[in-house]
């Protein structure tokens, strides 16, 4: 079978419902989206870079386009056009849906493109009101607050969700653990409070390795795939795992707006999923160790580390956080997270700068808060770098007691 035939054949096979015994997450991470390869004589998934696909039957093409316009379902048979779908991207979508335990997943050019598509899909039905819980990723907060897509947001705490719902509420959005404070919410309780309104849970920090929000009642699971799913700091992407009905609406929005994931990015994300459980568990073990050491350091005022674990730490220092950023040598001072190397950043200056200062502080994002994305380096090397940077950030420890982990 030539590469083009293999690619279009795969497009049908990876979309077909799998009939098999349940597999462990680590097994799914390696094999989901690739189950058909051996039968085609392939080992690595092919990358299909075509933007368009030939068809000599224009009447059949018209029928397929009409079917897509009606429901957003994937067209049967070979691909039509790169904005409608791509075989390589379809493999990543299939794999992520299996990891999250949903019927479908729809990939986009970035996490913000994915969130924008969800908001547009709800607004197109007249449901423009969103109930959201802070903190969220700074750009998600800004997109909702600024109303750039015509949405109106009511901010509340988890206990106030039910009271904040209105007849025109189309979405409830939470992030758990939240960016950057790592605050957690009870997803099952939140989903119950939502009633019939879809709950969107941003699962970027936890990944399906640590939690699967769909199992707790979330209808939509959002990922900035740029982070842990890719895992190497070299690809941008976003994805929403959901039921097939909502996936159809998202595909229609993606087709209309053009926020498509590039095939090469789809290939890299699929490759990233194969090592996701190993990476997340290894980095989480190091992060838990570092969280304990930071909590015992008198130069640290407070440490935030999630109950479910994970590779993210947030901590507040007594001294100047900007000097800590300037003082690292091994750790990379940069935005983003989830890479194999450790990153540190100052949220109030960068990732959450766009959020109103009063709202930012009210959500727990203090000016002394630092966010650490722990990678795969040796814990002793990381601690040596942090210890030196903390020395650069403070002239004297205010006490000999360390901080509590919250």
Protein backbone atom coordinates (compact mmCIF):
# COMPACT_ATOMS: atom_id res chain seq x y z
CA UNK A 1 0.00 0.00 0.00
CA UNK A 2 1.49 3.38 -0.97
CA UNK A 3 1.74 6.27 1.51
CA UNK A 4 -1.31 8.11 0.15
CA UNK A 5 -3.48 5.00 0.30
CA UNK A 6 -2.20 4.24 3.78
CA UNK A 7 -3.03 7.76 4.90
CA UNK A 8 -6.61 7.78 3.61
CA UNK A 9 -7.18 4.21 4.76
CA UNK A 10 -6.01 5.24 8.23
CA UNK A 11 -8.50 8.10 8.19
CA UNK A 12 -11.35 5.57 8.09
CA UNK A 13 -9.75 3.09 10.50
CA UNK A 14 -8.79 5.49 13.29
CA UNK A 15 -12.30 6.96 13.28
CA UNK A 16 -14.00 3.59 13.58
CA UNK A 17 -15.22 2.71 17.09
CA UNK A 18 -12.85 0.32 18.77
CA UNK A 19 -14.27 -2.98 19.99
CA UNK A 20 -11.76 -4.34 22.46
CA UNK A 21 -11.23 -5.10 26.10
CA UNK A 22 -10.31 -2.10 28.23
CA UNK A 23 -6.61 -1.29 28.22
CA UNK A 24 -4.46 0.38 30.86
CA UNK A 25 -3.67 4.06 30.40
CA UNK A 26 0.01 3.37 29.69
CA UNK A 27 -0.97 0.90 26.96
CA UNK A 28 -3.49 3.28 25.40
CA UNK A 29 -0.89 6.06 25.41
CA UNK A 30 1.40 3.91 23.26
CA UNK A 31 -1.16 2.25 20.96
CA UNK A 32 -4.24 4.49 20.61
CA UNK A 33 -4.38 6.08 17.18
CA UNK A 34 -1.88 3.54 15.87
CA UNK A 35 -3.82 0.26 16.02
CA UNK A 36 -4.07 -0.07 12.24
CA UNK A 37 -0.41 0.53 11.42
CA UNK A 38 0.92 -3.03 11.60
CA UNK A 39 -1.77 -4.27 9.19
CA UNK A 40 -0.54 -1.68 6.72
CA UNK A 41 3.08 -2.71 7.09
CA UNK A 42 3.90 0.50 8.96
CA UNK A 43 5.49 1.17 12.33
CA UNK A 44 5.56 4.97 12.63
CA UNK A 45 2.39 6.90 11.75
CA UNK A 46 2.54 8.58 8.33
CA UNK A 47 2.45 12.38 8.10
CA UNK A 48 -0.08 13.54 5.52
CA UNK A 49 0.76 17.11 4.53
CA UNK A 50 -1.85 17.42 1.78
CA UNK A 51 -4.08 20.47 1.87
CA UNK A 52 -6.52 19.07 -0.67
CA UNK A 53 -7.49 15.63 -2.00
CA UNK A 54 -8.54 14.65 -5.54
CA UNK A 55 -12.07 13.49 -6.31
CA UNK A 56 -13.55 12.75 -9.70
CA UNK A 57 -17.10 12.46 -8.36
CA UNK A 58 -18.24 16.02 -7.63
CA UNK A 59 -21.83 14.89 -6.91
CA UNK A 60 -20.59 12.62 -4.13
CA UNK A 61 -18.38 15.42 -2.83
CA UNK A 62 -21.40 17.72 -2.69
CA UNK A 63 -23.34 15.12 -0.69
CA UNK A 64 -20.47 14.75 1.76
CA UNK A 65 -20.19 18.50 2.21
CA UNK A 66 -23.94 18.72 2.81
CA UNK A 67 -23.71 16.00 5.44
CA UNK A 68 -20.90 17.81 7.22
CA UNK A 69 -22.80 21.08 7.16
CA UNK A 70 -25.79 19.39 8.77
CA UNK A 71 -24.09 17.67 11.71
CA UNK A 72 -20.35 18.29 11.67
CA UNK A 73 -19.74 14.55 11.48
CA UNK A 74 -16.50 13.45 9.86
CA UNK A 75 -17.08 12.83 6.14
CA UNK A 76 -17.00 9.14 5.25
CA UNK A 77 -14.28 8.01 2.91
CA UNK A 78 -11.09 9.84 2.01
CA UNK A 79 -10.40 13.41 3.22
CA UNK A 80 -11.77 16.39 1.32
CA UNK A 81 -9.78 19.44 2.35
CA UNK A 82 -7.28 20.23 5.08
CA UNK A 83 -9.67 22.56 6.90
CA UNK A 84 -12.25 19.79 7.16
CA UNK A 85 -9.84 17.26 8.60
CA UNK A 86 -6.50 15.53 8.22
CA UNK A 87 -5.56 11.86 8.70
CA UNK A 88 -2.53 12.57 10.88
CA UNK A 89 -4.45 14.95 13.13
CA UNK A 90 -7.27 12.39 13.30
CA UNK A 91 -4.88 9.90 14.86
CA UNK A 92 -4.02 12.34 17.65
CA UNK A 93 -7.69 13.14 18.22
CA UNK A 94 -8.58 9.46 18.48
CA UNK A 95 -5.75 8.80 20.91
CA UNK A 96 -6.58 11.74 23.17
CA UNK A 97 -10.27 10.81 23.27
CA UNK A 98 -9.34 7.32 24.42
CA UNK A 99 -7.03 8.64 27.11
CA UNK A 100 -9.72 11.00 28.41
CA UNK A 101 -12.50 8.41 28.08
CA UNK A 102 -14.70 10.43 25.70
CA UNK A 103 -16.37 9.60 22.41
CA UNK A 104 -14.43 12.15 20.40
CA UNK A 105 -11.84 14.90 20.45
CA UNK A 106 -11.32 17.90 18.18
CA UNK A 107 -7.86 19.45 17.78
CA UNK A 108 -7.02 23.08 17.10
CA UNK A 109 -4.02 25.26 16.39
CA UNK A 110 -3.67 26.25 20.06
CA UNK A 111 -5.38 25.94 23.41
CA UNK A 112 -6.88 29.41 22.98
CA UNK A 113 -8.23 28.45 19.55
CA UNK A 114 -9.87 25.43 21.18
CA UNK A 115 -11.50 27.54 23.91
CA UNK A 116 -12.61 30.12 21.33
CA UNK A 117 -14.31 27.38 19.33
CA UNK A 118 -16.23 26.20 22.41
CA UNK A 119 -17.44 29.74 23.14
CA UNK A 120 -18.45 30.30 19.53
CA UNK A 121 -20.28 26.98 19.40
CA UNK A 122 -22.36 27.92 22.45
CA UNK A 123 -22.91 31.53 21.33
CA UNK A 124 -24.18 30.33 17.96
CA UNK A 125 -27.18 28.82 19.77
CA UNK A 126 -27.87 32.04 21.69
CA UNK A 127 -26.16 30.88 24.88
CA UNK A 128 -23.57 33.60 25.40
CA UNK A 129 -23.41 33.62 29.20
CA UNK A 130 -20.52 31.81 30.90
CA UNK A 131 -20.10 31.03 34.59
CA UNK A 132 -16.43 30.67 35.51
CA UNK A 133 -14.28 30.08 38.58
CA UNK A 134 -11.00 31.92 39.07
CA UNK A 135 -8.15 31.44 38.75
CA UNK A 136 -7.90 30.43 35.12
CA UNK A 137 -5.03 30.74 32.70
CA UNK A 138 -4.55 34.48 32.19
CA UNK A 139 -5.50 34.52 28.49
CA UNK A 140 -8.60 32.40 29.17
CA UNK A 141 -9.58 34.93 31.85
CA UNK A 142 -9.01 37.79 29.42
CA UNK A 143 -10.98 36.17 26.60
CA UNK A 144 -13.99 35.76 28.88
CA UNK A 145 -13.73 39.11 30.64
CA UNK A 146 -13.16 41.22 27.54
CA UNK A 147 -16.11 39.66 25.73
CA UNK A 148 -14.06 39.47 22.54
CA UNK A 149 -16.31 36.70 21.20
CA UNK A 150 -19.55 38.25 22.43
CA UNK A 151 -19.63 36.26 25.65
CA UNK A 152 -20.66 37.59 29.06
CA UNK A 153 -19.06 36.09 32.15
CA UNK A 154 -20.11 35.78 35.78
CA UNK A 155 -17.21 34.98 38.09
CA UNK A 156 -18.03 32.96 41.17
CA UNK A 157 -16.59 30.42 43.57
CA UNK A 158 -17.53 26.75 43.20
CA UNK A 159 -20.28 27.01 45.83
CA UNK A 160 -21.97 29.81 43.88
CA UNK A 161 -22.21 28.11 40.50
CA UNK A 162 -25.84 26.97 40.78
CA UNK A 163 -27.01 30.44 41.80
CA UNK A 164 -25.07 32.08 38.96
CA UNK A 165 -26.78 30.06 36.22
CA UNK A 166 -29.20 31.88 33.92
CA UNK A 167 -31.51 30.76 31.09
CA UNK A 168 -28.86 31.92 28.60
CA UNK A 169 -25.92 30.23 30.35
CA UNK A 170 -24.16 28.08 27.81
CA UNK A 171 -21.10 26.99 29.72
CA UNK A 172 -19.50 26.61 33.12
CA UNK A 173 -15.70 26.72 33.09
CA UNK A 174 -13.21 25.61 35.73
CA UNK A 175 -9.53 24.73 35.77
CA UNK A 176 -8.32 22.15 38.27
CA UNK A 177 -5.54 22.28 39.32
CA UNK A 178 -5.75 25.94 38.40
CA UNK A 179 -3.13 28.09 36.73
CA UNK A 180 -1.05 29.34 38.53
CA UNK A 181 -2.10 28.75 42.16
CA UNK A 182 -2.85 25.02 41.70
CA UNK A 183 -6.18 25.44 43.49
CA UNK A 184 -8.40 22.38 43.07
CA UNK A 185 -12.17 22.04 42.80
CA UNK A 186 -14.42 19.05 43.35
CA UNK A 187 -15.28 18.34 39.72
CA UNK A 188 -18.06 15.93 40.55
CA UNK A 189 -19.76 18.48 42.83
CA UNK A 190 -19.31 21.24 40.25
CA UNK A 191 -20.77 19.07 37.50
CA UNK A 192 -23.81 18.38 39.70
CA UNK A 193 -24.24 22.12 40.32
CA UNK A 194 -24.20 22.76 36.56
CA UNK A 195 -27.40 20.79 35.95
CA UNK A 196 -27.93 20.62 32.19
CA UNK A 197 -25.33 23.29 31.41
CA UNK A 198 -22.12 21.76 29.99
CA UNK A 199 -19.10 21.85 32.29
CA UNK A 200 -15.77 22.64 30.63
CA UNK A 201 -12.82 21.45 32.72
CA UNK A 202 -9.35 22.61 31.73
CA UNK A 203 -7.24 19.51 32.41
CA UNK A 204 -3.94 20.88 31.11
CA UNK A 205 -2.07 20.67 34.41
CA UNK A 206 -3.37 17.27 35.52
CA UNK A 207 -3.52 15.45 32.16
CA UNK A 208 -5.51 12.20 31.91
CA UNK A 209 -2.68 10.54 33.82
CA UNK A 210 -3.83 12.18 37.08
CA UNK A 211 -7.54 12.75 36.44
CA UNK A 212 -10.22 12.22 33.78
CA UNK A 213 -12.82 14.96 34.22
CA UNK A 214 -15.34 13.26 31.92
CA UNK A 215 -15.63 10.47 34.48
CA UNK A 216 -16.63 13.10 37.05
CA UNK A 217 -19.32 14.71 34.95
CA UNK A 218 -17.52 17.24 32.74
CA UNK A 219 -18.93 17.26 29.22
CA UNK A 220 -15.91 19.08 27.77
CA UNK A 221 -12.25 18.55 28.64
CA UNK A 222 -9.85 21.22 27.41
CA UNK A 223 -6.09 20.89 26.95
CA UNK A 224 -3.43 23.25 25.86
CA UNK A 225 -1.71 20.42 24.02
CA UNK A 226 1.37 22.64 23.84
CA UNK A 227 2.10 21.63 27.41
CA UNK A 228 2.24 18.04 28.71
CA UNK A 229 0.63 16.33 25.73
CA UNK A 230 3.42 17.51 23.45
CA UNK A 231 5.86 17.50 26.31
CA UNK A 232 8.98 18.82 24.60
CA UNK A 233 8.36 22.54 24.14
CA UNK A 234 8.36 22.29 20.36
CA UNK A 235 4.72 22.24 19.26
CA UNK A 236 1.61 24.42 19.65
CA UNK A 237 -1.83 22.86 19.82
CA UNK A 238 -5.13 22.64 21.63
CA UNK A 239 -7.78 19.95 21.91
CA UNK A 240 -11.26 19.44 23.34
CA UNK A 241 -12.32 15.92 24.36
CA UNK A 242 -16.10 15.57 24.37
CA UNK A 243 -19.10 13.60 23.15
CA UNK A 244 -19.63 13.22 19.41
CA UNK A 245 -22.57 15.63 19.31
CA UNK A 246 -20.50 18.52 20.64
CA UNK A 247 -17.53 17.44 18.53
CA UNK A 248 -19.64 17.99 15.43
CA UNK A 249 -20.32 21.60 16.42
CA UNK A 250 -16.63 22.16 17.13
CA UNK A 251 -15.63 20.77 13.73
CA UNK A 252 -18.04 23.16 12.06
CA UNK A 253 -16.56 26.10 13.95
CA UNK A 254 -13.03 24.93 13.13
CA UNK A 255 -13.92 24.66 9.43
CA UNK A 256 -15.49 28.13 9.40
CA UNK A 257 -12.78 29.90 11.38
CA UNK A 258 -9.73 28.00 10.15
CA UNK A 259 -8.14 27.28 13.54
CA UNK A 260 -6.80 23.94 12.33
CA UNK A 261 -3.91 21.98 13.78
CA UNK A 262 -1.05 21.49 11.33
CA UNK A 263 -0.40 17.82 10.41
CA UNK A 264 3.19 17.97 11.62
CA UNK A 265 1.94 19.26 14.97
CA UNK A 266 -0.57 16.41 15.04
CA UNK A 267 2.25 13.94 14.48
CA UNK A 268 4.37 15.44 17.26
CA UNK A 269 1.44 15.45 19.67
CA UNK A 270 0.63 11.81 18.93
CA UNK A 271 4.28 10.97 19.53
CA UNK A 272 4.19 12.95 22.77
CA UNK A 273 1.23 10.97 24.08
CA UNK A 274 3.21 7.72 23.94
CA UNK A 275 5.49 8.88 26.77
CA UNK A 276 2.93 11.01 28.63
CA UNK A 277 2.36 8.63 31.60
CA UNK A 278 6.08 8.06 32.09
CA UNK A 279 6.92 11.77 31.87
CA UNK A 280 4.12 12.93 34.15
CA UNK A 281 4.82 10.34 36.84
CA UNK A 282 8.57 10.94 36.85
CA UNK A 283 8.24 14.73 36.93
CA UNK A 284 5.54 14.49 39.61
CA UNK A 285 7.80 12.50 41.90
CA UNK A 286 10.51 15.14 41.58
CA UNK A 287 7.98 17.95 42.08
CA UNK A 288 6.67 16.40 45.30
CA UNK A 289 10.24 16.18 46.60
CA UNK A 290 10.98 19.80 45.68
CA UNK A 291 7.72 21.01 47.21
CA UNK A 292 8.80 19.52 50.53
CA UNK A 293 12.24 21.11 50.33
CA UNK A 294 10.78 24.51 49.42
CA UNK A 295 8.33 24.28 52.33
CA UNK A 296 11.25 23.72 54.71
CA UNK A 297 13.25 26.68 53.39
CA UNK A 298 12.91 29.82 55.54
CA UNK A 299 13.18 32.03 52.45
CA UNK A 300 9.89 30.61 51.15
CA UNK A 301 6.66 32.00 52.59
CA UNK A 302 4.18 29.52 51.15
CA UNK A 303 4.13 26.48 48.88
CA UNK A 304 1.15 25.39 46.76
CA UNK A 305 1.10 21.76 45.63
CA UNK A 306 -2.03 19.88 44.49
CA UNK A 307 -3.54 17.02 46.47
CA UNK A 308 -3.63 14.91 43.30
CA UNK A 309 0.07 15.53 42.76
CA UNK A 310 1.54 16.61 39.46
CA UNK A 311 4.63 18.31 38.12
CA UNK A 312 3.61 21.91 38.91
CA UNK A 313 4.59 23.85 42.03
CA UNK A 314 3.68 27.41 42.99
CA UNK A 315 5.50 29.14 45.80
CA UNK A 316 5.68 32.58 47.34
CA UNK A 317 8.98 34.02 48.52
CA UNK A 318 9.79 36.50 51.27
CA UNK A 319 12.30 38.26 49.06
CA UNK A 320 12.22 39.63 45.52
CA UNK A 321 10.72 37.07 43.08
CA UNK A 322 12.32 38.85 40.12
CA UNK A 323 15.76 38.19 41.58
CA UNK A 324 14.90 34.51 41.87
CA UNK A 325 13.99 34.45 38.18
CA UNK A 326 17.26 36.20 37.33
CA UNK A 327 19.22 33.85 39.58
CA UNK A 328 18.47 30.46 38.00
CA UNK A 329 21.14 28.85 35.85
CA UNK A 330 19.91 25.32 35.10
CA UNK A 331 16.18 26.03 35.22
CA UNK A 332 14.85 27.95 32.22
CA UNK A 333 13.13 31.29 33.00
CA UNK A 334 10.31 31.12 30.46
CA UNK A 335 6.54 30.95 30.06
CA UNK A 336 4.71 27.74 29.23
CA UNK A 337 5.03 24.45 31.09
CA UNK A 338 4.98 20.68 30.73
CA UNK A 339 8.30 20.34 28.94
CA UNK A 340 11.03 17.82 29.70
CA UNK A 341 13.10 20.68 31.11
CA UNK A 342 12.15 22.70 34.18
CA UNK A 343 10.70 26.18 33.65
CA UNK A 344 10.06 29.01 36.10
CA UNK A 345 8.08 32.20 35.62
CA UNK A 346 6.49 35.08 37.54
CA UNK A 347 2.74 34.94 36.75
CA UNK A 348 1.95 38.51 37.83
CA UNK A 349 4.45 39.75 35.24
CA UNK A 350 3.74 37.40 32.36
CA UNK A 351 1.06 34.70 32.14
CA UNK A 352 -1.49 36.61 34.27
CA UNK A 353 -0.37 40.17 33.55
CA UNK A 354 -3.39 40.67 31.33
CA UNK A 355 -5.78 40.00 34.23
CA UNK A 356 -6.96 43.03 36.22
CA UNK A 357 -4.59 43.51 39.16
CA UNK A 358 -7.30 43.50 41.80
CA UNK A 359 -8.94 40.40 40.33
CA UNK A 360 -5.58 38.72 39.96
CA UNK A 361 -4.69 39.22 43.60
CA UNK A 362 -8.19 38.25 44.68
CA UNK A 363 -7.71 34.91 42.92
CA UNK A 364 -4.56 34.27 44.93
CA UNK A 365 -2.01 35.34 42.33
CA UNK A 366 0.20 37.48 44.56
CA UNK A 367 3.11 39.56 43.37
CA UNK A 368 5.51 37.23 45.17
CA UNK A 369 4.18 34.04 43.57
CA UNK A 370 6.43 31.99 41.31
CA UNK A 371 5.31 29.06 39.15
CA UNK A 372 7.62 26.11 38.61
CA UNK A 373 7.04 23.48 35.92
CA UNK A 374 9.23 20.56 36.95
CA UNK A 375 10.90 18.56 34.21
CA UNK A 376 12.95 15.39 34.08
CA UNK A 377 16.28 16.60 35.47
CA UNK A 378 17.81 15.08 38.60
CA UNK A 379 16.20 16.45 41.75
CA UNK A 380 19.54 17.32 43.37
CA UNK A 381 20.59 19.44 40.40
CA UNK A 382 17.26 21.25 40.41
CA UNK A 383 17.38 21.86 44.14
CA UNK A 384 20.92 23.17 43.91
CA UNK A 385 19.80 25.69 41.29
CA UNK A 386 16.71 26.73 43.25
CA UNK A 387 18.64 27.07 46.47
CA UNK A 388 21.14 29.39 44.79
CA UNK A 389 18.42 31.43 43.12
CA UNK A 390 16.56 31.83 46.42
CA UNK A 391 19.76 33.19 47.90
CA UNK A 392 19.82 35.80 45.16
CA UNK A 393 16.22 36.73 45.86
CA UNK A 394 16.47 37.52 49.56
CA UNK A 395 19.04 39.16 51.79
CA UNK A 396 17.94 37.59 55.04
CA UNK A 397 15.52 34.91 56.08
CA UNK A 398 12.67 36.37 58.20
CA UNK A 399 12.60 33.28 60.40
CA UNK A 400 14.09 29.84 60.67
CA UNK A 401 10.73 28.19 60.10
CA UNK A 402 9.67 26.94 56.73
CA UNK A 403 6.38 27.32 54.89
CA UNK A 404 3.41 25.01 54.94
CA UNK A 405 2.40 23.15 51.78
CA UNK A 406 -1.16 24.09 50.81
